[in-house]
Amino acid sequence: MLEAGWPREALQELTDLMDLPEEGDMTRQNAYTDYLWAQAYANLGLIDAAATPAQDAFARMKQIKSRIHITRIAGLQGQLSQLDSKNIEVIRLGVMIHS
């Protein structure tokens, strides 16, 4: 839905996923879900709402060593930085990525 340009619908689907029961180790799924939340909020221009789940996603993705998803978060950080490069949470995300 994000690729189709429907961030609001994507957020609704993610909300619906929150009601599903957890199964086993869901670290990877939780990391990707946080990324999707962040991307949807970023696509809506909601920087503060996007930055926190992006930070959470990055921390989990780093933990599981998911290079492709870390690259996606870096791209998201670039998108957020273009919206507001002085936002403290965007700066914090950049520091997390580059340290």
C-alpha atoms as a PDB file:
ATOM      1  CA  MET A   1       0.000   0.000   0.000  1.00  0.00           C
ATOM      2  CA  LEU A   2       2.902   2.322   0.671  1.00  0.00           C
ATOM      3  CA  GLU A   3       4.274   1.727  -2.811  1.00  0.00           C
ATOM      4  CA  ALA A   4       0.834   2.491  -4.241  1.00  0.00           C
ATOM      5  CA  GLY A   5       0.820   5.840  -2.435  1.00  0.00           C
ATOM      6  CA  TRP A   6      -1.747   4.916   0.199  1.00  0.00           C
ATOM      7  CA  PRO A   7      -0.033   5.608   3.536  1.00  0.00           C
ATOM      8  CA  ARG A   8      -3.289   6.046   5.469  1.00  0.00           C
ATOM      9  CA  GLU A   9      -4.536   2.649   4.348  1.00  0.00           C
ATOM     10  CA  ALA A  10      -1.176   1.130   5.214  1.00  0.00           C
ATOM     11  CA  LEU A  11      -1.444   2.550   8.732  1.00  0.00           C
ATOM     12  CA  GLN A  12      -4.908   0.984   9.088  1.00  0.00           C
ATOM     13  CA  GLU A  13      -3.576  -2.409   8.003  1.00  0.00           C
ATOM     14  CA  LEU A  14      -0.696  -2.112  10.473  1.00  0.00           C
ATOM     15  CA  THR A  15      -3.165  -1.237  13.219  1.00  0.00           C
ATOM     16  CA  ASP A  16      -5.164  -4.355  12.356  1.00  0.00           C
ATOM     17  CA  LEU A  17      -1.976  -6.462  12.562  1.00  0.00           C
ATOM     18  CA  MET A  18      -1.482  -5.331  16.149  1.00  0.00           C
ATOM     19  CA  ASP A  19      -4.545  -7.416  17.113  1.00  0.00           C
ATOM     20  CA  LEU A  20      -3.016 -10.691  15.913  1.00  0.00           C
ATOM     21  CA  PRO A  21      -1.482 -13.026  18.525  1.00  0.00           C
ATOM     22  CA  GLU A  22       2.302 -13.255  18.630  1.00  0.00           C
ATOM     23  CA  GLU A  23       3.978 -16.450  17.494  1.00  0.00           C
ATOM     24  CA  GLY A  24       7.501 -17.325  18.622  1.00  0.00           C
ATOM     25  CA  ASP A  25      10.380 -14.926  18.095  1.00  0.00           C
ATOM     26  CA  MET A  26       8.932 -11.979  16.232  1.00  0.00           C
ATOM     27  CA  THR A  27      11.983  -9.713  16.315  1.00  0.00           C
ATOM     28  CA  ARG A  28      12.311  -9.564  12.526  1.00  0.00           C
ATOM     29  CA  GLN A  29       8.585  -9.038  11.980  1.00  0.00           C
ATOM     30  CA  ASN A  30       8.443  -6.359  14.680  1.00  0.00           C
ATOM     31  CA  ALA A  31      11.421  -4.577  13.143  1.00  0.00           C
ATOM     32  CA  TYR A  32       9.839  -4.582   9.701  1.00  0.00           C
ATOM     33  CA  THR A  33       6.476  -3.467  11.123  1.00  0.00           C
ATOM     34  CA  ASP A  34       8.186  -0.540  12.880  1.00  0.00           C
ATOM     35  CA  TYR A  35       9.827   0.367   9.574  1.00  0.00           C
ATOM     36  CA  LEU A  36       6.459   0.282   7.785  1.00  0.00           C
ATOM     37  CA  TRP A  37       4.888   2.492  10.475  1.00  0.00           C
ATOM     38  CA  ALA A  38       7.734   4.954  10.115  1.00  0.00           C
ATOM     39  CA  GLN A  39       7.581   4.976   6.321  1.00  0.00           C
ATOM     40  CA  ALA A  40       3.818   5.515   6.289  1.00  0.00           C
ATOM     41  CA  TYR A  41       4.096   8.445   8.704  1.00  0.00           C
ATOM     42  CA  ALA A  42       6.982   9.896   6.705  1.00  0.00           C
ATOM     43  CA  ASN A  43       4.926   9.669   3.523  1.00  0.00           C
ATOM     44  CA  LEU A  44       2.239  11.687   5.301  1.00  0.00           C
ATOM     45  CA  GLY A  45       4.847  14.273   6.335  1.00  0.00           C
ATOM     46  CA  LEU A  46       4.478  13.433  10.040  1.00  0.00           C
ATOM     47  CA  ILE A  47       8.130  13.655  11.010  1.00  0.00           C
ATOM     48  CA  ASP A  48       7.813  13.171  14.763  1.00  0.00           C
ATOM     49  CA  ALA A  49       5.491  10.198  14.328  1.00  0.00           C
ATOM     50  CA  ALA A  50       7.917   8.643  11.835  1.00  0.00           C
ATOM     51  CA  ALA A  51      11.204   9.157  13.664  1.00  0.00           C
ATOM     52  CA  THR A  52      10.507   7.116  16.801  1.00  0.00           C
ATOM     53  CA  PRO A  53       9.416   3.879  15.111  1.00  0.00           C
ATOM     54  CA  ALA A  54      12.301   4.354  12.668  1.00  0.00           C
ATOM     55  CA  GLN A  55      14.710   4.449  15.626  1.00  0.00           C
ATOM     56  CA  ASP A  56      13.083   1.335  17.102  1.00  0.00           C
ATOM     57  CA  ALA A  57      13.244  -0.442  13.745  1.00  0.00           C
ATOM     58  CA  PHE A  58      16.887   0.487  13.292  1.00  0.00           C
ATOM     59  CA  ALA A  59      17.830  -0.854  16.726  1.00  0.00           C
ATOM     60  CA  ARG A  60      16.092  -4.182  16.026  1.00  0.00           C
ATOM     61  CA  MET A  61      17.483  -4.427  12.509  1.00  0.00           C
ATOM     62  CA  LYS A  62      20.974  -3.798  13.787  1.00  0.00           C
ATOM     63  CA  GLN A  63      20.440  -6.490  16.428  1.00  0.00           C
ATOM     64  CA  ILE A  64      19.451  -9.072  13.798  1.00  0.00           C
ATOM     65  CA  LYS A  65      22.060  -7.780  11.313  1.00  0.00           C
ATOM     66  CA  SER A  66      19.559  -7.129   8.527  1.00  0.00           C
ATOM     67  CA  ARG A  67      21.674  -5.061   6.139  1.00  0.00           C
ATOM     68  CA  ILE A  68      18.938  -4.545   3.566  1.00  0.00           C
ATOM     69  CA  HIS A  69      16.558  -3.157   6.173  1.00  0.00           C
ATOM     70  CA  ILE A  70      19.266  -0.989   7.696  1.00  0.00           C
ATOM     71  CA  THR A  71      19.730   0.461   4.212  1.00  0.00           C
ATOM     72  CA  ARG A  72      15.977   1.106   4.015  1.00  0.00           C
ATOM     73  CA  ILE A  73      16.081   2.933   7.341  1.00  0.00           C
ATOM     74  CA  ALA A  74      18.987   5.021   6.086  1.00  0.00           C
ATOM     75  CA  GLY A  75      16.889   5.985   3.071  1.00  0.00           C
ATOM     76  CA  LEU A  76      13.985   6.844   5.348  1.00  0.00           C
ATOM     77  CA  GLN A  77      16.286   8.992   7.465  1.00  0.00           C
ATOM     78  CA  GLY A  78      17.284  10.842   4.301  1.00  0.00           C
ATOM     79  CA  GLN A  79      13.620  11.393   3.457  1.00  0.00           C
ATOM     80  CA  LEU A  80      12.925  12.718   6.961  1.00  0.00           C
ATOM     81  CA  SER A  81      16.020  14.904   6.832  1.00  0.00           C
ATOM     82  CA  GLN A  82      14.731  16.506   3.634  1.00  0.00           C
ATOM     83  CA  LEU A  83      11.484  17.328   5.425  1.00  0.00           C
ATOM     84  CA  ASP A  84      13.209  18.823   8.487  1.00  0.00           C
ATOM     85  CA  SER A  85      16.956  18.399   8.916  1.00  0.00           C
ATOM     86  CA  LYS A  86      16.879  20.199  12.284  1.00  0.00           C
ATOM     87  CA  ASN A  87      14.352  17.891  13.941  1.00  0.00           C
ATOM     88  CA  ILE A  88      16.090  16.369  16.963  1.00  0.00           C
ATOM     89  CA  GLU A  89      14.645  12.888  16.413  1.00  0.00           C
ATOM     90  CA  VAL A  90      15.739  12.915  12.769  1.00  0.00           C
ATOM     91  CA  ILE A  91      19.209  13.964  13.893  1.00  0.00           C
ATOM     92  CA  ARG A  92      19.210  11.206  16.546  1.00  0.00           C
ATOM     93  CA  LEU A  93      18.260   8.632  13.903  1.00  0.00           C
ATOM     94  CA  GLY A  94      21.105   9.869  11.690  1.00  0.00           C
ATOM     95  CA  VAL A  95      23.574   9.524  14.553  1.00  0.00           C
ATOM     96  CA  MET A  96      22.327   5.990  15.243  1.00  0.00           C
ATOM     97  CA  ILE A  97      22.805   5.015  11.611  1.00  0.00           C
ATOM     98  CA  HIS A  98      26.242   6.553  11.206  1.00  0.00           C
ATOM     99  CA  SER A  99      27.764   5.344  14.477  1.00  0.00           C
END
